[in-house]
N, C-alpha and C. Protein backbone atom coordinates (compact mmCIF):
# COMPACT_ATOMS: atom_id res chain seq x y z
N MET A 1 -54.52 52.66 -86.38
CA MET A 1 -54.39 51.83 -87.57
C MET A 1 -55.20 50.55 -87.36
N THR A 2 -56.06 50.23 -88.29
CA THR A 2 -56.91 49.05 -88.18
C THR A 2 -56.12 47.77 -88.48
N ARG A 3 -56.68 46.66 -88.11
CA ARG A 3 -56.04 45.37 -88.41
C ARG A 3 -55.86 45.21 -89.91
N GLN A 4 -56.86 45.58 -90.67
CA GLN A 4 -56.79 45.47 -92.12
C GLN A 4 -55.62 46.29 -92.67
N GLU A 5 -55.43 47.49 -92.18
CA GLU A 5 -54.31 48.34 -92.63
C GLU A 5 -52.97 47.74 -92.22
N ARG A 6 -52.90 47.17 -91.03
CA ARG A 6 -51.65 46.53 -90.58
C ARG A 6 -51.31 45.33 -91.46
N VAL A 7 -52.32 44.55 -91.82
CA VAL A 7 -52.10 43.39 -92.68
C VAL A 7 -51.66 43.86 -94.08
N GLU A 8 -52.27 44.92 -94.58
CA GLU A 8 -51.88 45.46 -95.89
C GLU A 8 -50.41 45.87 -95.89
N GLU A 9 -49.99 46.58 -94.86
CA GLU A 9 -48.59 47.02 -94.76
C GLU A 9 -47.64 45.83 -94.61
N LEU A 10 -48.03 44.86 -93.81
CA LEU A 10 -47.21 43.66 -93.64
C LEU A 10 -47.06 42.92 -94.97
N LEU A 11 -48.15 42.74 -95.69
CA LEU A 11 -48.09 42.05 -96.98
C LEU A 11 -47.24 42.82 -97.98
N ARG A 12 -47.38 44.14 -98.01
CA ARG A 12 -46.59 44.95 -98.93
C ARG A 12 -45.10 44.73 -98.68
N SER A 13 -44.73 44.80 -97.43
CA SER A 13 -43.33 44.63 -97.06
C SER A 13 -42.81 43.22 -97.38
N GLU A 14 -43.56 42.22 -96.97
CA GLU A 14 -43.10 40.84 -97.15
C GLU A 14 -43.09 40.41 -98.62
N VAL A 15 -44.12 40.79 -99.37
CA VAL A 15 -44.15 40.41 -100.79
C VAL A 15 -43.01 41.10 -101.54
N SER A 16 -42.73 42.35 -101.21
CA SER A 16 -41.60 43.06 -101.83
C SER A 16 -40.30 42.30 -101.59
N GLU A 17 -40.09 41.90 -100.36
CA GLU A 17 -38.87 41.18 -100.00
C GLU A 17 -38.80 39.81 -100.68
N ILE A 18 -39.90 39.11 -100.73
CA ILE A 18 -39.92 37.79 -101.38
C ILE A 18 -39.59 37.93 -102.86
N ILE A 19 -40.21 38.89 -103.53
CA ILE A 19 -39.96 39.08 -104.96
C ILE A 19 -38.50 39.47 -105.19
N ARG A 20 -38.01 40.38 -104.37
CA ARG A 20 -36.64 40.87 -104.54
C ARG A 20 -35.60 39.77 -104.28
N ALA A 21 -35.79 39.01 -103.21
CA ALA A 21 -34.75 38.09 -102.77
C ALA A 21 -34.93 36.64 -103.20
N GLN A 22 -36.16 36.22 -103.48
CA GLN A 22 -36.38 34.79 -103.66
C GLN A 22 -36.98 34.37 -104.99
N VAL A 23 -37.69 35.26 -105.64
CA VAL A 23 -38.30 34.89 -106.92
C VAL A 23 -37.23 35.05 -108.00
N ASP A 24 -36.91 33.95 -108.64
CA ASP A 24 -35.85 33.95 -109.64
C ASP A 24 -36.46 33.71 -111.03
N ASP A 25 -37.17 34.72 -111.50
CA ASP A 25 -37.79 34.64 -112.82
C ASP A 25 -37.26 35.81 -113.64
N PRO A 26 -36.55 35.52 -114.73
CA PRO A 26 -35.96 36.60 -115.51
C PRO A 26 -37.00 37.55 -116.14
N ARG A 27 -38.24 37.12 -116.23
CA ARG A 27 -39.28 37.99 -116.79
C ARG A 27 -39.61 39.14 -115.84
N ILE A 28 -39.41 38.90 -114.55
CA ILE A 28 -39.74 39.93 -113.57
C ILE A 28 -38.55 40.87 -113.45
N GLY A 29 -38.69 42.03 -114.06
CA GLY A 29 -37.63 43.03 -114.03
C GLY A 29 -37.78 43.93 -112.84
N PHE A 30 -37.73 45.23 -113.09
CA PHE A 30 -37.82 46.21 -112.01
C PHE A 30 -39.28 46.51 -111.74
N ILE A 31 -39.77 46.06 -110.58
CA ILE A 31 -41.16 46.34 -110.21
C ILE A 31 -41.19 46.99 -108.83
N SER A 32 -42.25 47.75 -108.61
CA SER A 32 -42.49 48.35 -107.30
C SER A 32 -43.91 48.03 -106.89
N ILE A 33 -44.08 47.70 -105.64
CA ILE A 33 -45.43 47.50 -105.13
C ILE A 33 -45.95 48.85 -104.70
N THR A 34 -47.01 49.30 -105.36
CA THR A 34 -47.55 50.64 -105.09
C THR A 34 -48.66 50.62 -104.05
N GLY A 35 -49.18 49.46 -103.77
CA GLY A 35 -50.23 49.38 -102.76
C GLY A 35 -50.76 47.97 -102.63
N VAL A 36 -51.39 47.73 -101.49
CA VAL A 36 -52.02 46.44 -101.23
C VAL A 36 -53.41 46.73 -100.67
N ASP A 37 -54.40 46.10 -101.24
CA ASP A 37 -55.77 46.22 -100.76
C ASP A 37 -56.23 44.85 -100.28
N VAL A 38 -56.52 44.76 -99.00
CA VAL A 38 -56.97 43.49 -98.41
C VAL A 38 -58.47 43.60 -98.14
N SER A 39 -59.20 42.55 -98.44
CA SER A 39 -60.63 42.54 -98.19
C SER A 39 -60.88 42.59 -96.68
N PRO A 40 -62.04 43.09 -96.27
CA PRO A 40 -62.34 43.19 -94.83
C PRO A 40 -62.24 41.86 -94.07
N ASP A 41 -62.51 40.75 -94.76
CA ASP A 41 -62.40 39.44 -94.09
C ASP A 41 -60.97 38.88 -94.13
N LEU A 42 -60.05 39.64 -94.71
CA LEU A 42 -58.62 39.29 -94.81
C LEU A 42 -58.36 38.02 -95.63
N GLU A 43 -59.31 37.64 -96.47
CA GLU A 43 -59.13 36.43 -97.27
C GLU A 43 -58.52 36.69 -98.64
N ASN A 44 -58.64 37.91 -99.14
CA ASN A 44 -58.13 38.25 -100.47
C ASN A 44 -57.28 39.51 -100.39
N ALA A 45 -56.21 39.52 -101.18
CA ALA A 45 -55.35 40.70 -101.23
C ALA A 45 -55.05 41.02 -102.69
N ARG A 46 -55.28 42.27 -103.05
CA ARG A 46 -54.95 42.76 -104.39
C ARG A 46 -53.67 43.57 -104.26
N ILE A 47 -52.63 43.13 -104.97
CA ILE A 47 -51.32 43.78 -104.87
C ILE A 47 -51.08 44.56 -106.16
N ASN A 48 -50.99 45.88 -106.03
CA ASN A 48 -50.78 46.75 -107.18
C ASN A 48 -49.29 46.90 -107.43
N VAL A 49 -48.87 46.66 -108.67
CA VAL A 49 -47.45 46.75 -109.01
C VAL A 49 -47.24 47.71 -110.17
N SER A 50 -46.18 48.48 -110.05
CA SER A 50 -45.75 49.37 -111.12
C SER A 50 -44.51 48.73 -111.73
N ILE A 51 -44.45 48.67 -113.06
CA ILE A 51 -43.38 47.97 -113.73
C ILE A 51 -42.68 48.93 -114.68
N LEU A 52 -41.36 48.98 -114.59
CA LEU A 52 -40.57 49.82 -115.47
C LEU A 52 -40.20 49.02 -116.71
N GLY A 53 -40.36 49.61 -117.89
CA GLY A 53 -39.95 48.95 -119.12
C GLY A 53 -40.93 49.18 -120.25
N THR A 54 -40.68 48.47 -121.34
CA THR A 54 -41.55 48.56 -122.51
C THR A 54 -42.84 47.81 -122.23
N GLU A 55 -43.79 47.98 -123.11
CA GLU A 55 -45.07 47.28 -122.95
C GLU A 55 -44.87 45.77 -122.92
N GLU A 56 -43.97 45.25 -123.76
CA GLU A 56 -43.70 43.81 -123.80
C GLU A 56 -43.07 43.35 -122.49
N GLN A 57 -42.14 44.14 -121.95
CA GLN A 57 -41.50 43.80 -120.68
C GLN A 57 -42.53 43.82 -119.54
N LYS A 58 -43.47 44.74 -119.61
CA LYS A 58 -44.51 44.81 -118.58
C LYS A 58 -45.41 43.58 -118.63
N ARG A 59 -45.78 43.17 -119.85
CA ARG A 59 -46.60 41.96 -119.99
C ARG A 59 -45.85 40.73 -119.48
N ASP A 60 -44.57 40.64 -119.84
CA ASP A 60 -43.75 39.50 -119.38
C ASP A 60 -43.64 39.49 -117.87
N ALA A 61 -43.44 40.66 -117.27
CA ALA A 61 -43.32 40.75 -115.80
C ALA A 61 -44.62 40.30 -115.14
N MET A 62 -45.75 40.72 -115.69
CA MET A 62 -47.03 40.30 -115.12
C MET A 62 -47.21 38.79 -115.26
N ASP A 63 -46.81 38.23 -116.40
CA ASP A 63 -46.87 36.77 -116.56
C ASP A 63 -45.99 36.08 -115.52
N GLY A 64 -44.80 36.62 -115.29
CA GLY A 64 -43.90 36.06 -114.29
C GLY A 64 -44.49 36.13 -112.89
N LEU A 65 -45.11 37.26 -112.56
CA LEU A 65 -45.74 37.40 -111.25
C LEU A 65 -46.90 36.42 -111.09
N HIS A 66 -47.70 36.29 -112.14
CA HIS A 66 -48.83 35.35 -112.07
C HIS A 66 -48.35 33.92 -111.88
N SER A 67 -47.24 33.55 -112.55
CA SER A 67 -46.76 32.18 -112.39
C SER A 67 -46.09 31.97 -111.02
N ALA A 68 -45.63 33.04 -110.38
CA ALA A 68 -44.98 32.91 -109.07
C ALA A 68 -45.96 33.11 -107.91
N THR A 69 -47.22 33.37 -108.20
CA THR A 69 -48.19 33.70 -107.15
C THR A 69 -48.29 32.61 -106.09
N ARG A 70 -48.37 31.34 -106.49
CA ARG A 70 -48.49 30.26 -105.50
C ARG A 70 -47.25 30.18 -104.62
N TYR A 71 -46.08 30.35 -105.22
CA TYR A 71 -44.84 30.33 -104.46
C TYR A 71 -44.81 31.48 -103.45
N ILE A 72 -45.18 32.68 -103.91
CA ILE A 72 -45.16 33.86 -103.05
C ILE A 72 -46.13 33.67 -101.88
N ARG A 73 -47.30 33.14 -102.17
CA ARG A 73 -48.29 32.92 -101.10
C ARG A 73 -47.77 31.89 -100.10
N GLY A 74 -47.11 30.86 -100.60
CA GLY A 74 -46.53 29.85 -99.71
C GLY A 74 -45.46 30.44 -98.81
N GLU A 75 -44.62 31.29 -99.38
CA GLU A 75 -43.58 31.96 -98.58
C GLU A 75 -44.21 32.88 -97.53
N LEU A 76 -45.29 33.54 -97.92
CA LEU A 76 -45.99 34.39 -96.95
C LEU A 76 -46.47 33.56 -95.76
N GLY A 77 -46.95 32.36 -96.05
CA GLY A 77 -47.42 31.47 -94.99
C GLY A 77 -46.33 31.14 -93.98
N HIS A 78 -45.07 31.07 -94.45
CA HIS A 78 -43.95 30.80 -93.55
C HIS A 78 -43.53 32.05 -92.77
N ARG A 79 -43.78 33.22 -93.34
CA ARG A 79 -43.26 34.46 -92.76
C ARG A 79 -44.23 35.20 -91.85
N VAL A 80 -45.50 35.15 -92.15
CA VAL A 80 -46.46 35.97 -91.39
C VAL A 80 -47.28 35.09 -90.46
N GLU A 81 -47.67 35.68 -89.36
CA GLU A 81 -48.46 34.95 -88.38
C GLU A 81 -49.93 35.34 -88.54
N LEU A 82 -50.54 34.76 -89.54
CA LEU A 82 -51.96 34.97 -89.78
C LEU A 82 -52.63 33.61 -89.80
N ARG A 83 -53.84 33.56 -89.30
CA ARG A 83 -54.59 32.30 -89.30
C ARG A 83 -54.79 31.82 -90.73
N LEU A 84 -55.06 32.75 -91.62
CA LEU A 84 -55.29 32.43 -93.03
C LEU A 84 -54.46 33.38 -93.87
N VAL A 85 -53.63 32.84 -94.75
CA VAL A 85 -52.86 33.69 -95.66
C VAL A 85 -53.79 34.10 -96.80
N PRO A 86 -53.92 35.39 -97.05
CA PRO A 86 -54.85 35.84 -98.09
C PRO A 86 -54.47 35.30 -99.48
N LYS A 87 -55.49 35.07 -100.28
CA LYS A 87 -55.28 34.72 -101.67
C LYS A 87 -54.84 36.00 -102.38
N ILE A 88 -53.69 35.98 -103.06
CA ILE A 88 -53.18 37.21 -103.65
C ILE A 88 -53.39 37.26 -105.15
N THR A 89 -53.62 38.48 -105.62
CA THR A 89 -53.80 38.77 -107.04
C THR A 89 -52.94 39.98 -107.36
N PHE A 90 -52.15 39.88 -108.41
CA PHE A 90 -51.33 41.01 -108.84
C PHE A 90 -52.07 41.82 -109.89
N VAL A 91 -52.05 43.14 -109.74
CA VAL A 91 -52.73 44.05 -110.66
C VAL A 91 -51.72 45.10 -111.10
N ARG A 92 -51.62 45.29 -112.40
CA ARG A 92 -50.69 46.29 -112.93
C ARG A 92 -51.20 47.69 -112.64
N ASP A 93 -50.32 48.55 -112.17
CA ASP A 93 -50.66 49.91 -111.81
C ASP A 93 -49.77 50.87 -112.62
N ASP A 94 -50.37 51.56 -113.56
CA ASP A 94 -49.62 52.50 -114.41
C ASP A 94 -49.72 53.93 -113.92
N SER A 95 -50.22 54.15 -112.71
CA SER A 95 -50.44 55.52 -112.23
C SER A 95 -49.13 56.28 -112.05
N LEU A 96 -48.06 55.62 -111.63
CA LEU A 96 -46.78 56.32 -111.48
C LEU A 96 -46.27 56.80 -112.82
N GLU A 97 -46.41 55.96 -113.83
CA GLU A 97 -45.96 56.33 -115.17
C GLU A 97 -46.79 57.49 -115.72
N ARG A 98 -48.10 57.43 -115.52
CA ARG A 98 -48.97 58.52 -115.97
C ARG A 98 -48.64 59.82 -115.23
N GLY A 99 -48.41 59.71 -113.93
CA GLY A 99 -48.06 60.88 -113.14
C GLY A 99 -46.74 61.49 -113.59
N SER A 100 -45.78 60.65 -113.88
CA SER A 100 -44.49 61.12 -114.36
C SER A 100 -44.63 61.84 -115.71
N ARG A 101 -45.47 61.28 -116.56
CA ARG A 101 -45.70 61.89 -117.87
C ARG A 101 -46.37 63.25 -117.71
N VAL A 102 -47.34 63.36 -116.81
CA VAL A 102 -48.03 64.63 -116.57
C VAL A 102 -47.05 65.66 -116.00
N LEU A 103 -46.20 65.24 -115.06
CA LEU A 103 -45.21 66.17 -114.50
C LEU A 103 -44.24 66.65 -115.57
N GLY A 104 -43.85 65.76 -116.46
CA GLY A 104 -42.97 66.16 -117.57
C GLY A 104 -43.62 67.21 -118.45
N ILE A 105 -44.89 67.02 -118.76
CA ILE A 105 -45.62 67.99 -119.58
C ILE A 105 -45.71 69.33 -118.84
N MET A 106 -46.01 69.27 -117.55
CA MET A 106 -46.11 70.51 -116.77
C MET A 106 -44.77 71.24 -116.71
N ASN A 107 -43.69 70.49 -116.57
CA ASN A 107 -42.37 71.12 -116.55
C ASN A 107 -42.04 71.78 -117.89
N ARG A 108 -42.37 71.09 -118.99
CA ARG A 108 -42.13 71.69 -120.31
C ARG A 108 -42.95 72.95 -120.49
N LEU A 109 -44.21 72.91 -120.07
CA LEU A 109 -45.06 74.10 -120.17
C LEU A 109 -44.52 75.23 -119.31
N GLY A 110 -44.05 74.89 -118.12
CA GLY A 110 -43.47 75.91 -117.23
C GLY A 110 -42.22 76.52 -117.83
N ASN A 111 -41.39 75.69 -118.46
CA ASN A 111 -40.18 76.21 -119.11
C ASN A 111 -40.53 77.11 -120.28
N GLU A 112 -41.53 76.71 -121.08
CA GLU A 112 -41.94 77.53 -122.22
C GLU A 112 -42.50 78.87 -121.74
N THR A 113 -43.28 78.83 -120.66
CA THR A 113 -43.86 80.05 -120.10
C THR A 113 -42.74 80.97 -119.61
N GLY A 114 -41.75 80.39 -118.95
CA GLY A 114 -40.62 81.18 -118.46
C GLY A 114 -39.85 81.82 -119.59
N VAL A 115 -39.65 81.10 -120.69
CA VAL A 115 -38.94 81.64 -121.85
C VAL A 115 -39.73 82.81 -122.44
N ARG A 116 -41.05 82.62 -122.57
CA ARG A 116 -41.89 83.70 -123.11
C ARG A 116 -41.83 84.94 -122.23
N GLN A 117 -41.88 84.73 -120.91
CA GLN A 117 -41.83 85.87 -119.99
C GLN A 117 -40.48 86.58 -120.07
N ASN A 118 -39.43 85.83 -120.23
CA ASN A 118 -38.09 86.43 -120.37
C ASN A 118 -37.99 87.24 -121.65
N LYS A 119 -38.58 86.73 -122.75
CA LYS A 119 -38.56 87.45 -124.02
C LYS A 119 -39.35 88.76 -123.90
N ARG A 120 -40.51 88.71 -123.23
CA ARG A 120 -41.32 89.92 -123.05
C ARG A 120 -40.57 90.95 -122.22
N ALA A 121 -39.92 90.48 -121.17
CA ALA A 121 -39.17 91.39 -120.30
C ALA A 121 -38.00 92.02 -121.06
N ALA A 122 -37.37 91.23 -121.94
CA ALA A 122 -36.25 91.76 -122.72
C ALA A 122 -36.74 92.81 -123.73
N LYS A 123 -37.93 92.63 -124.30
CA LYS A 123 -38.48 93.57 -125.26
C LYS A 123 -38.82 94.90 -124.59
N LYS A 124 -39.27 94.86 -123.35
CA LYS A 124 -39.65 96.06 -122.62
C LYS A 124 -38.45 96.93 -122.25
N ARG A 125 -37.30 96.36 -122.18
CA ARG A 125 -36.08 97.09 -121.79
C ARG A 125 -35.64 97.91 -122.90
C-alpha cells in the first residue's frame, strides 16, 4: 500500500468520524463517504459523498458540507500526523443510487422472465 493510499484511507476514516460526531448542521443528513482521492503531492483531497434523500435534501447536504469544510480540515489537523493537511473538496457521488436503480431493474426483469418461464412450463404440462 502506497503512502498516498494510506493517507486516502486515513482521511476517509477521520472525515467520516468528524462528520458523524462533531459536525452539527441539520442540512447534513445521511451521507456516506464513497471514496477519497488524494493528489500525489498530498496537498489536495477530493472526498466523494453519497447522500440519501430527495434532490433538495442532497443540495442542502452539499451546502452544509461546503460550509463545514474549514472546520473539518481544522479537526483533521488535530487528528492526523501529516506535515500538511490536504485541502479538501466534497464531490457528490450518485453512483450508489444509479447502481441500486440498475439492480432494481435487473431484479424486475429477472422476475418477469421467471414468470414467463413458469407460464410456458405450465402450458407444456
